[in-house]
Amino acid sequence: MANSNPLEAKVRLEFFYSPNRLNVAITRAMKRCIVIANYKVFDIIDEELSELPDYHSLKDSLQVFKDYFELSSKIEEDVVDEEW
């Protein structure tokens, strides 16, 4: 659930925020599911994306990621990457 280039996520929104991709990540666990991701993957700011051509067709997919993030338990690391 990571991307080393934040701008690429904007270019490939349909792939990056595919509910099918999230489904595969969270439904294969037998006992416990641990999703390792940069919190920015789930920190979706609609105002920043609303100007992109695919935004309206992907709005429901983005909401799936927001909902998952809100429902999940979080373990946060105190590491800050100023470039991100």
Protein backbone atom coordinates (compact mmCIF):
# COMPACT_ATOMS: atom_id res chain seq x y z
CA MET A 1 0.00 0.00 0.00
CA ALA A 2 2.87 2.33 -0.70
CA ASN A 3 4.09 4.52 -3.46
CA SER A 4 7.49 6.15 -3.49
CA ASN A 5 6.33 8.97 -5.75
CA PRO A 6 3.31 10.98 -4.50
CA LEU A 7 2.79 12.56 -7.92
CA GLU A 8 2.43 9.13 -9.53
CA ALA A 9 -0.56 8.38 -7.32
CA LYS A 10 -2.32 11.38 -8.85
CA VAL A 11 -1.49 10.22 -12.36
CA ARG A 12 -2.65 6.65 -11.73
CA LEU A 13 -5.60 7.24 -9.39
CA GLU A 14 -7.71 4.50 -10.94
CA PHE A 15 -5.09 1.84 -10.13
CA PHE A 16 -3.78 3.27 -6.88
CA TYR A 17 -7.20 3.74 -5.28
CA SER A 18 -8.86 0.65 -6.69
CA PRO A 19 -11.17 -0.93 -4.09
CA ASN A 20 -10.18 -4.30 -5.59
CA ARG A 21 -6.55 -3.62 -4.68
CA LEU A 22 -7.50 -2.76 -1.11
CA ASN A 23 -9.77 -5.82 -0.97
CA VAL A 24 -6.88 -8.11 -1.90
CA ALA A 25 -4.68 -6.47 0.72
CA ILE A 26 -7.12 -6.92 3.60
CA THR A 27 -9.07 -10.12 2.87
CA ARG A 28 -6.31 -12.71 2.50
CA ALA A 29 -5.39 -12.81 6.17
CA MET A 30 -6.20 -15.95 8.18
CA LYS A 31 -5.83 -14.54 11.70
CA ARG A 32 -4.68 -10.94 11.53
CA CYS A 33 -4.30 -8.30 8.87
CA ILE A 34 -1.53 -5.76 9.13
CA VAL A 35 -1.49 -3.13 6.41
CA ILE A 36 1.74 -1.20 6.21
CA ALA A 37 1.28 2.10 4.47
CA ASN A 38 2.25 5.69 4.60
CA TYR A 39 -0.67 7.49 6.23
CA LYS A 40 -0.74 9.84 3.25
CA VAL A 41 -2.17 6.98 1.16
CA PHE A 42 -5.31 7.36 3.26
CA ASP A 43 -5.11 11.12 3.81
CA ILE A 44 -7.21 11.88 0.76
CA ILE A 45 -7.96 15.57 0.36
CA ASP A 46 -10.81 15.91 -2.13
CA GLU A 47 -10.06 19.56 -2.84
CA GLU A 48 -6.58 18.66 -4.10
CA LEU A 49 -7.89 15.93 -6.41
CA SER A 50 -11.16 17.46 -7.62
CA GLU A 51 -9.49 19.13 -10.62
CA LEU A 52 -8.17 15.84 -11.99
CA PRO A 53 -10.12 14.38 -14.94
CA ASP A 54 -10.79 10.99 -13.28
CA TYR A 55 -11.86 12.40 -9.92
CA HIS A 56 -15.64 12.14 -10.31
CA SER A 57 -15.56 8.56 -11.57
CA LEU A 58 -13.26 7.56 -8.71
CA LYS A 59 -14.93 9.43 -5.87
CA ASP A 60 -16.62 6.26 -4.53
CA SER A 61 -13.31 4.38 -4.64
CA LEU A 62 -11.60 7.14 -2.69
CA GLN A 63 -14.36 6.94 -0.09
CA VAL A 64 -13.64 3.23 0.42
CA PHE A 65 -10.07 4.11 1.39
CA LYS A 66 -11.26 6.88 3.72
CA ASP A 67 -13.72 4.51 5.39
CA TYR A 68 -11.13 1.78 5.82
CA PHE A 69 -8.69 4.23 7.40
CA GLU A 70 -11.34 5.49 9.80
CA LEU A 71 -12.31 1.97 10.90
CA SER A 72 -8.78 0.59 11.28
CA SER A 73 -6.57 0.52 14.35
CA LYS A 74 -3.38 2.47 13.90
CA ILE A 75 0.15 1.96 15.13
CA GLU A 76 2.12 5.09 14.39
CA GLU A 77 5.85 5.45 14.14
CA ASP A 78 7.49 8.70 15.25
CA VAL A 79 9.56 8.95 12.07
CA VAL A 80 8.96 12.09 10.03
CA ASP A 81 10.09 12.35 6.42
CA GLU A 82 10.20 16.05 5.58
CA GLU A 83 10.38 15.41 1.83
CA TRP A 84 7.06 13.50 1.75
